[in-house]
């Protein structure tokens, strides 16, 4: 009973916080009919992926949920994102209720994405009426299917899935003149940090993994090491952001756009079309990583200057068949309890950067990027007889 009370208190506190914004956010939405809705979202706030070698014992105490797993802030954020999606889209469904049968949720197989998927589902589809299956907990939560596949075969949502060609291109980025010249410009601070911490930071990826720890600690209000002054942190954060841009856009290796975003692009633009798959769920949610979202934004041609995506960042594709119009929205939420709002994006495939574009036009414009899984394997040169090395950044 105590567990149920704690569970209830967690949900009710979040619900009460959102009541003030419920009316304004729902009334502001245009009540247009949507035939298909596709949401691609980054997982919630997480702990660092690795402990600092020089401070391992203290780090273990600071992150009791485990490295790379969702924190309490991340759980709160993803539950509220589910509530946001319910407010935004429930009017599209009978009885203004999104049931577990109305939504398809696909997740990267990494635990923080699976956890995020469950929390989104809990906020999106609380049990009401016939969906309540038991007193106490059955009035607050119900099971919603979450779909995933093995990590090494997850070309849809995991940019480190098995692709021999992409691995070679990824390695070429590490040794490219662009990356080497950039690191030379920041050689002094890299060497100083390596000396202070006794970390061997040899390339931009090792630097990124190291700085990720600082970024996660600062994000969660943890005390940073004394040597990490505001000036040092800002310099390292800049290297961190540029490192993401090197690896997870086609800026250096344009072919990565198709290899790492093509399967997801194919899924989105075929999934938006009711004529291709009339039995598909009207609402589909894909839970992934910032690296995959970066690949997707880059493939769509969106502005990549603000390359660091916050936890819970979303792209929302909405399609109205009668108007034959696709609208694209972005949501980037600063904090777990901040109000969530959506900004409509201009789709950069026309000279005028229109916000409303026919689906067929977009399918034609992006067709050169589309890959199904068979074509993905063929272009990657995959033998499918082994698993890829694990990318620690994911």
Protein backbone atom coordinates (compact mmCIF):
# COMPACT_ATOMS: atom_id res chain seq x y z
CA UNK A 1 0.00 0.00 0.00
CA UNK A 2 2.89 2.38 0.78
CA UNK A 3 4.30 1.77 -2.72
CA UNK A 4 0.94 2.60 -4.29
CA UNK A 5 0.71 5.84 -2.27
CA UNK A 6 4.18 6.92 -3.41
CA UNK A 7 3.30 5.98 -6.99
CA UNK A 8 0.05 7.97 -6.76
CA UNK A 9 1.78 11.00 -5.23
CA UNK A 10 4.36 11.08 -8.05
CA UNK A 11 1.71 11.15 -10.77
CA UNK A 12 -0.64 13.56 -8.97
CA UNK A 13 2.12 16.11 -8.32
CA UNK A 14 2.94 16.20 -12.02
CA UNK A 15 -0.73 16.35 -13.01
CA UNK A 16 -1.36 19.29 -10.65
CA UNK A 17 1.68 21.14 -12.02
CA UNK A 18 0.27 20.82 -15.54
CA UNK A 19 -3.30 21.92 -14.80
CA UNK A 20 -2.42 25.60 -15.14
CA UNK A 21 -1.15 25.11 -18.69
CA UNK A 22 -3.70 22.51 -19.81
CA UNK A 23 -6.42 24.89 -20.94
CA UNK A 24 -4.16 27.39 -22.69
CA UNK A 25 -2.12 24.76 -24.51
CA UNK A 26 -5.12 22.75 -25.66
CA UNK A 27 -7.20 25.74 -26.71
CA UNK A 28 -4.32 27.15 -28.73
CA UNK A 29 -4.08 24.02 -30.87
CA UNK A 30 -5.90 24.17 -34.17
CA UNK A 31 -8.57 21.48 -34.21
CA UNK A 32 -7.74 20.24 -37.69
CA UNK A 33 -8.13 16.59 -38.59
CA UNK A 34 -4.87 14.68 -38.80
CA UNK A 35 -4.67 11.39 -40.66
CA UNK A 36 -1.18 10.55 -39.47
CA UNK A 37 1.06 11.78 -36.65
CA UNK A 38 4.68 10.71 -36.25
CA UNK A 39 6.80 11.81 -33.29
CA UNK A 40 10.56 11.24 -33.01
CA UNK A 41 11.84 12.00 -29.52
CA UNK A 42 15.11 11.83 -27.64
CA UNK A 43 15.19 9.90 -24.36
CA UNK A 44 15.00 11.66 -21.00
CA UNK A 45 17.68 13.07 -18.71
CA UNK A 46 20.31 10.45 -17.91
CA UNK A 47 23.32 9.93 -15.70
CA UNK A 48 26.81 10.17 -17.23
CA UNK A 49 27.84 7.20 -19.34
CA UNK A 50 31.10 6.61 -17.43
CA UNK A 51 32.60 7.67 -14.09
CA UNK A 52 35.64 9.90 -13.98
CA UNK A 53 38.65 7.65 -13.44
CA UNK A 54 40.03 10.14 -10.89
CA UNK A 55 36.78 10.31 -8.87
CA UNK A 56 35.15 6.90 -9.33
CA UNK A 57 33.98 6.31 -5.73
CA UNK A 58 32.28 9.69 -5.41
CA UNK A 59 30.68 9.29 -8.84
CA UNK A 60 29.16 5.95 -7.84
CA UNK A 61 27.47 7.67 -4.90
CA UNK A 62 26.16 10.53 -7.06
CA UNK A 63 24.50 8.28 -9.65
CA UNK A 64 22.84 5.40 -7.76
CA UNK A 65 20.53 4.51 -10.67
CA UNK A 66 23.52 3.51 -12.77
CA UNK A 67 25.58 5.12 -15.52
CA UNK A 68 23.61 5.95 -18.66
CA UNK A 69 20.23 5.29 -17.05
CA UNK A 70 17.39 7.76 -16.56
CA UNK A 71 17.52 9.99 -13.51
CA UNK A 72 14.47 11.17 -11.57
CA UNK A 73 14.48 14.31 -13.70
CA UNK A 74 14.47 12.17 -16.83
CA UNK A 75 11.55 10.11 -15.61
CA UNK A 76 9.56 13.24 -14.83
CA UNK A 77 10.35 14.82 -18.19
CA UNK A 78 9.30 11.80 -20.25
CA UNK A 79 6.07 11.28 -18.31
CA UNK A 80 5.19 14.94 -18.93
CA UNK A 81 6.01 14.57 -22.62
CA UNK A 82 3.42 11.79 -22.72
CA UNK A 83 0.92 14.17 -21.11
CA UNK A 84 1.82 16.87 -23.63
CA UNK A 85 1.20 14.51 -26.56
CA UNK A 86 -2.12 13.45 -25.01
CA UNK A 87 -3.26 17.07 -24.73
CA UNK A 88 -2.10 17.86 -28.24
CA UNK A 89 -3.59 14.87 -30.04
CA UNK A 90 -6.37 13.28 -27.95
CA UNK A 91 -9.08 15.15 -29.89
CA UNK A 92 -8.11 13.07 -32.94
CA UNK A 93 -9.39 9.89 -31.31
CA UNK A 94 -12.84 8.58 -30.29
CA UNK A 95 -13.91 9.91 -26.92
CA UNK A 96 -10.85 12.19 -26.90
CA UNK A 97 -8.90 9.26 -25.49
CA UNK A 98 -5.71 7.66 -26.85
CA UNK A 99 -5.91 3.98 -25.92
CA UNK A 100 -3.03 1.48 -26.10
CA UNK A 101 -4.55 0.26 -29.38
CA UNK A 102 -4.34 3.72 -30.96
CA UNK A 103 -0.57 4.22 -30.69
CA UNK A 104 2.52 2.46 -31.99
CA UNK A 105 5.65 3.03 -29.87
CA UNK A 106 9.03 1.90 -31.19
CA UNK A 107 12.17 2.29 -29.09
CA UNK A 108 15.88 1.94 -29.44
CA UNK A 109 16.82 -1.09 -27.38
CA UNK A 110 19.10 0.94 -25.08
CA UNK A 111 17.58 0.87 -21.54
CA UNK A 112 17.16 4.65 -21.18
CA UNK A 113 15.10 4.69 -24.39
CA UNK A 114 12.97 1.74 -23.28
CA UNK A 115 12.38 3.43 -19.91
CA UNK A 116 11.51 6.70 -21.68
CA UNK A 117 9.04 4.85 -23.91
CA UNK A 118 7.25 3.38 -20.89
CA UNK A 119 7.02 6.79 -19.22
CA UNK A 120 5.69 8.45 -22.38
CA UNK A 121 3.09 5.68 -22.64
CA UNK A 122 2.05 6.22 -19.00
CA UNK A 123 1.50 9.94 -19.56
CA UNK A 124 -0.12 9.45 -22.96
CA UNK A 125 -2.61 6.72 -22.09
CA UNK A 126 -3.70 6.62 -18.44
CA UNK A 127 -6.40 3.98 -17.84
CA UNK A 128 -9.92 5.40 -18.11
CA UNK A 129 -13.25 3.57 -17.98
CA UNK A 130 -13.00 0.08 -19.46
CA UNK A 131 -9.21 0.41 -19.54
CA UNK A 132 -9.01 0.47 -15.74
CA UNK A 133 -8.05 -3.07 -14.80
CA UNK A 134 -7.72 -2.99 -11.02
CA UNK A 135 -8.34 -0.70 -8.10
CA UNK A 136 -5.35 1.34 -6.85
CA UNK A 137 -2.54 0.92 -9.43
CA UNK A 138 -4.92 -0.13 -12.22
CA UNK A 139 -6.55 3.30 -12.01
CA UNK A 140 -3.21 5.05 -12.59
CA UNK A 141 -1.27 2.87 -15.03
CA UNK A 142 -1.87 0.30 -17.75
CA UNK A 143 0.50 -1.72 -19.97
CA UNK A 144 1.19 -0.30 -23.43
CA UNK A 145 3.23 -2.37 -25.94
CA UNK A 146 6.74 -1.07 -26.68
CA UNK A 147 8.44 -2.49 -29.78
CA UNK A 148 12.18 -2.86 -30.32
CA UNK A 149 14.76 -5.07 -32.04
CA UNK A 150 18.30 -6.22 -31.29
CA UNK A 151 20.69 -3.30 -31.01
CA UNK A 152 23.02 -4.40 -33.79
CA UNK A 153 20.05 -4.66 -36.20
CA UNK A 154 18.43 -1.37 -35.14
CA UNK A 155 19.12 0.67 -38.28
CA UNK A 156 15.95 2.65 -37.64
CA UNK A 157 16.80 4.28 -34.30
CA UNK A 158 20.40 3.48 -33.41
CA UNK A 159 23.18 5.17 -35.44
CA UNK A 160 25.73 2.61 -34.31
CA UNK A 161 23.80 -0.33 -35.79
CA UNK A 162 25.74 -2.75 -37.98
CA UNK A 163 26.88 -1.04 -41.21
CA UNK A 164 30.38 -1.81 -42.45
CA UNK A 165 30.50 1.16 -44.84
CA UNK A 166 29.26 3.58 -42.17
CA UNK A 167 31.91 2.30 -39.76
CA UNK A 168 34.62 3.04 -42.33
CA UNK A 169 33.25 6.52 -42.99
CA UNK A 170 32.99 7.09 -39.24
CA UNK A 171 36.66 6.18 -38.88
CA UNK A 172 37.60 8.53 -41.73
CA UNK A 173 36.00 11.39 -39.83
CA UNK A 174 38.35 10.79 -36.91
CA UNK A 175 41.37 11.20 -39.21
CA UNK A 176 39.97 13.97 -41.43
CA UNK A 177 41.88 17.27 -41.81
CA UNK A 178 38.81 19.17 -40.56
CA UNK A 179 38.80 17.34 -37.23
CA UNK A 180 42.57 17.34 -36.80
CA UNK A 181 42.83 21.07 -37.51
CA UNK A 182 40.02 21.80 -35.07
CA UNK A 183 41.74 19.84 -32.31
CA UNK A 184 45.02 21.63 -33.00
CA UNK A 185 43.27 24.93 -32.33
CA UNK A 186 42.23 23.61 -28.91
CA UNK A 187 45.37 21.63 -28.17
CA UNK A 188 46.39 23.69 -25.15
CA UNK A 189 43.21 23.18 -23.12
CA UNK A 190 43.04 19.49 -24.10
CA UNK A 191 46.60 18.90 -22.90
CA UNK A 192 46.01 20.84 -19.69
CA UNK A 193 42.88 18.85 -18.83
CA UNK A 194 44.62 15.57 -19.67
CA UNK A 195 47.47 16.50 -17.33
CA UNK A 196 45.19 17.56 -14.45
CA UNK A 197 42.89 14.53 -14.64
CA UNK A 198 45.39 11.91 -15.85
CA UNK A 199 42.97 11.09 -18.68
CA UNK A 200 44.46 10.23 -22.06
CA UNK A 201 42.24 12.31 -24.39
CA UNK A 202 43.55 11.33 -27.81
CA UNK A 203 40.77 12.32 -30.22
CA UNK A 204 37.49 14.21 -30.42
CA UNK A 205 35.42 11.18 -29.35
CA UNK A 206 37.40 10.53 -26.19
CA UNK A 207 37.12 14.24 -25.40
CA UNK A 208 33.36 14.08 -26.00
CA UNK A 209 32.92 11.10 -23.68
CA UNK A 210 34.92 12.91 -20.99
CA UNK A 211 33.02 16.20 -21.37
CA UNK A 212 29.69 14.35 -21.44
CA UNK A 213 30.33 13.57 -17.78
CA UNK A 214 30.72 17.27 -16.99
CA UNK A 215 27.64 18.19 -19.04
CA UNK A 216 25.49 15.59 -17.26
CA UNK A 217 26.79 16.64 -13.84
CA UNK A 218 26.13 20.33 -14.49
CA UNK A 219 22.69 19.58 -15.95
CA UNK A 220 21.68 17.76 -12.76
CA UNK A 221 23.10 20.42 -10.44
CA UNK A 222 26.05 18.33 -9.28
CA UNK A 223 29.24 20.05 -8.13
CA UNK A 224 31.92 20.16 -10.83
CA UNK A 225 35.63 19.61 -10.09
CA UNK A 226 37.47 22.74 -8.90
CA UNK A 227 39.54 22.92 -12.07
CA UNK A 228 36.37 23.15 -14.16
CA UNK A 229 35.80 26.91 -14.02
CA UNK A 230 33.06 28.56 -16.05
CA UNK A 231 35.57 29.49 -18.75
CA UNK A 232 37.01 25.97 -18.95
CA UNK A 233 33.53 24.43 -19.02
CA UNK A 234 32.38 26.69 -21.86
CA UNK A 235 35.44 25.83 -23.94
CA UNK A 236 34.96 22.10 -23.38
CA UNK A 237 31.22 22.35 -24.10
CA UNK A 238 32.00 23.98 -27.44
CA UNK A 239 34.32 21.09 -28.34
CA UNK A 240 31.60 18.67 -27.23
CA UNK A 241 28.97 20.26 -29.50
CA UNK A 242 31.25 20.48 -32.51
CA UNK A 243 32.29 16.86 -31.98
CA UNK A 244 28.65 15.80 -32.27
CA UNK A 245 28.36 17.78 -35.46
CA UNK A 246 31.44 16.09 -36.95
CA UNK A 247 30.12 12.59 -36.27
CA UNK A 248 26.34 12.84 -36.58
CA UNK A 249 25.80 15.00 -39.64
CA UNK A 250 26.94 14.65 -43.23
CA UNK A 251 29.16 17.72 -42.94
CA UNK A 252 32.39 15.74 -43.41
CA UNK A 253 31.06 12.48 -44.90
CA UNK A 254 27.81 13.28 -46.80
CA UNK A 255 27.10 9.59 -47.47
CA UNK A 256 26.36 9.14 -43.76
CA UNK A 257 23.11 11.08 -44.25
CA UNK A 258 21.62 8.19 -46.19
CA UNK A 259 23.26 5.37 -44.25
CA UNK A 260 22.32 6.68 -40.82
CA UNK A 261 19.04 8.52 -41.49
CA UNK A 262 17.72 6.75 -44.59
CA UNK A 263 15.86 3.92 -42.83
CA UNK A 264 14.14 6.36 -40.47
CA UNK A 265 13.34 8.78 -43.32
CA UNK A 266 11.79 5.90 -45.27
CA UNK A 267 9.75 4.87 -42.22
CA UNK A 268 8.48 8.41 -41.62
CA UNK A 269 7.46 9.39 -45.14
CA UNK A 270 5.84 6.05 -45.93
CA UNK A 271 4.22 6.01 -42.51
CA UNK A 272 2.63 9.41 -43.12
CA UNK A 273 0.81 8.08 -46.21
CA UNK A 274 -2.49 6.29 -45.36
CA UNK A 275 -2.62 4.87 -48.89
CA UNK A 276 0.62 2.91 -48.38
CA UNK A 277 -0.42 1.35 -45.06
CA UNK A 278 -4.09 1.98 -44.25
CA UNK A 279 -3.97 -0.19 -41.10
CA UNK A 280 -1.11 1.64 -39.45
CA UNK A 281 -1.75 3.41 -36.14
CA UNK A 282 -2.64 7.05 -36.59
CA UNK A 283 -0.09 8.01 -33.92
CA UNK A 284 3.45 6.58 -34.02
CA UNK A 285 6.18 7.47 -31.53
CA UNK A 286 9.87 6.66 -32.03
CA UNK A 287 12.18 6.98 -29.02
CA UNK A 288 15.85 7.38 -29.87
CA UNK A 289 19.12 9.21 -29.15
CA UNK A 290 20.32 12.76 -29.79
CA UNK A 291 22.77 11.35 -32.34
CA UNK A 292 19.93 9.83 -34.38
CA UNK A 293 17.89 13.03 -34.12
CA UNK A 294 20.91 14.97 -35.38
CA UNK A 295 21.22 12.64 -38.38
CA UNK A 296 17.49 13.08 -39.07
CA UNK A 297 17.53 16.87 -38.79
CA UNK A 298 20.59 17.00 -41.04
CA UNK A 299 18.95 14.75 -43.65
CA UNK A 300 15.84 16.95 -43.61
CA UNK A 301 18.04 19.98 -44.26
CA UNK A 302 17.19 21.75 -41.01
CA UNK A 303 19.47 24.32 -39.40
CA UNK A 304 22.30 22.53 -37.61
CA UNK A 305 23.90 25.55 -35.92
CA UNK A 306 22.24 24.78 -32.58
CA UNK A 307 23.47 21.24 -32.68
CA UNK A 308 23.09 20.28 -29.00
CA UNK A 309 19.63 18.81 -28.50
CA UNK A 310 18.12 18.79 -25.03
CA UNK A 311 16.75 15.68 -23.38
CA UNK A 312 13.24 14.98 -24.64
CA UNK A 313 13.75 16.99 -27.86
CA UNK A 314 11.06 16.15 -30.41
CA UNK A 315 10.25 16.37 -34.09
CA UNK A 316 6.52 16.01 -34.83
CA UNK A 317 5.25 15.27 -38.34
CA UNK A 318 1.53 15.90 -38.93
CA UNK A 319 -0.34 14.99 -42.11
CA UNK A 320 -3.81 16.00 -43.27
CA UNK A 321 -4.86 13.97 -46.31
CA UNK A 322 -7.72 16.24 -47.40
CA UNK A 323 -5.40 19.25 -47.59
CA UNK A 324 -2.51 16.99 -48.64
CA UNK A 325 -0.24 18.94 -46.32
CA UNK A 326 2.63 17.94 -44.06
CA UNK A 327 3.50 20.15 -41.10
CA UNK A 328 6.69 19.75 -39.08
CA UNK A 329 7.04 20.90 -35.47
CA UNK A 330 9.94 20.94 -33.03
CA UNK A 331 9.93 20.94 -29.24
CA UNK A 332 13.08 21.47 -27.16
CA UNK A 333 12.33 21.59 -23.43
CA UNK A 334 14.90 23.30 -21.15
CA UNK A 335 13.93 21.55 -17.90
CA UNK A 336 11.84 18.57 -16.75
CA UNK A 337 9.12 20.80 -15.26
CA UNK A 338 9.19 23.59 -17.87
CA UNK A 339 6.14 24.18 -20.03
CA UNK A 340 6.32 22.25 -23.30
CA UNK A 341 5.53 24.18 -26.46
CA UNK A 342 5.89 23.31 -30.13
CA UNK A 343 7.38 25.52 -32.82
CA UNK A 344 6.45 24.99 -36.46
CA UNK A 345 9.48 24.60 -38.71
CA UNK A 346 9.90 25.63 -42.30
CA UNK A 347 10.69 22.58 -44.40
CA UNK A 348 13.78 23.53 -46.44
CA UNK A 349 13.05 21.76 -49.71
CA UNK A 350 11.43 24.68 -51.48
CA UNK A 351 12.85 28.05 -52.40
CA UNK A 352 10.34 29.74 -50.11
CA UNK A 353 10.86 27.35 -47.15
CA UNK A 354 7.13 26.69 -46.79
CA UNK A 355 5.59 25.26 -43.62
CA UNK A 356 2.87 23.35 -45.49
CA UNK A 357 3.96 21.05 -48.31
CA UNK A 358 2.22 18.16 -50.16
CA UNK A 359 3.34 14.73 -48.98
CA UNK A 360 4.04 13.52 -52.52
CA UNK A 361 6.36 16.44 -53.11
CA UNK A 362 8.36 15.62 -49.96
CA UNK A 363 8.49 11.92 -50.84
CA UNK A 364 9.95 12.84 -54.23
CA UNK A 365 12.43 15.37 -52.82
CA UNK A 366 13.76 13.02 -50.14
CA UNK A 367 13.49 9.79 -52.12
CA UNK A 368 17.24 9.66 -52.78
CA UNK A 369 17.76 9.23 -49.02
CA UNK A 370 15.21 6.47 -48.41
CA UNK A 371 16.46 2.99 -47.50
CA UNK A 372 14.54 -0.13 -46.56
CA UNK A 373 16.37 -2.70 -44.44
CA UNK A 374 17.34 -4.94 -47.37
CA UNK A 375 18.80 -2.02 -49.30
CA UNK A 376 20.49 -0.79 -46.13
CA UNK A 377 22.26 -4.13 -45.70
CA UNK A 378 23.25 -4.19 -49.36
CA UNK A 379 24.72 -0.68 -49.38
CA UNK A 380 26.43 -1.23 -46.03
CA UNK A 381 28.04 -4.44 -47.23
CA UNK A 382 26.73 -6.28 -44.18
CA UNK A 383 27.33 -10.00 -43.92
CA UNK A 384 24.92 -10.25 -40.96
CA UNK A 385 27.07 -12.93 -39.36
CA UNK A 386 28.35 -10.85 -36.48
CA UNK A 387 27.57 -7.95 -34.21
CA UNK A 388 29.07 -4.51 -34.38
CA UNK A 389 31.35 -3.11 -31.69
CA UNK A 390 29.43 -1.20 -29.06
CA UNK A 391 29.50 2.58 -29.38
CA UNK A 392 29.93 3.81 -25.79
CA UNK A 393 28.44 7.21 -26.61
CA UNK A 394 25.02 5.63 -27.07
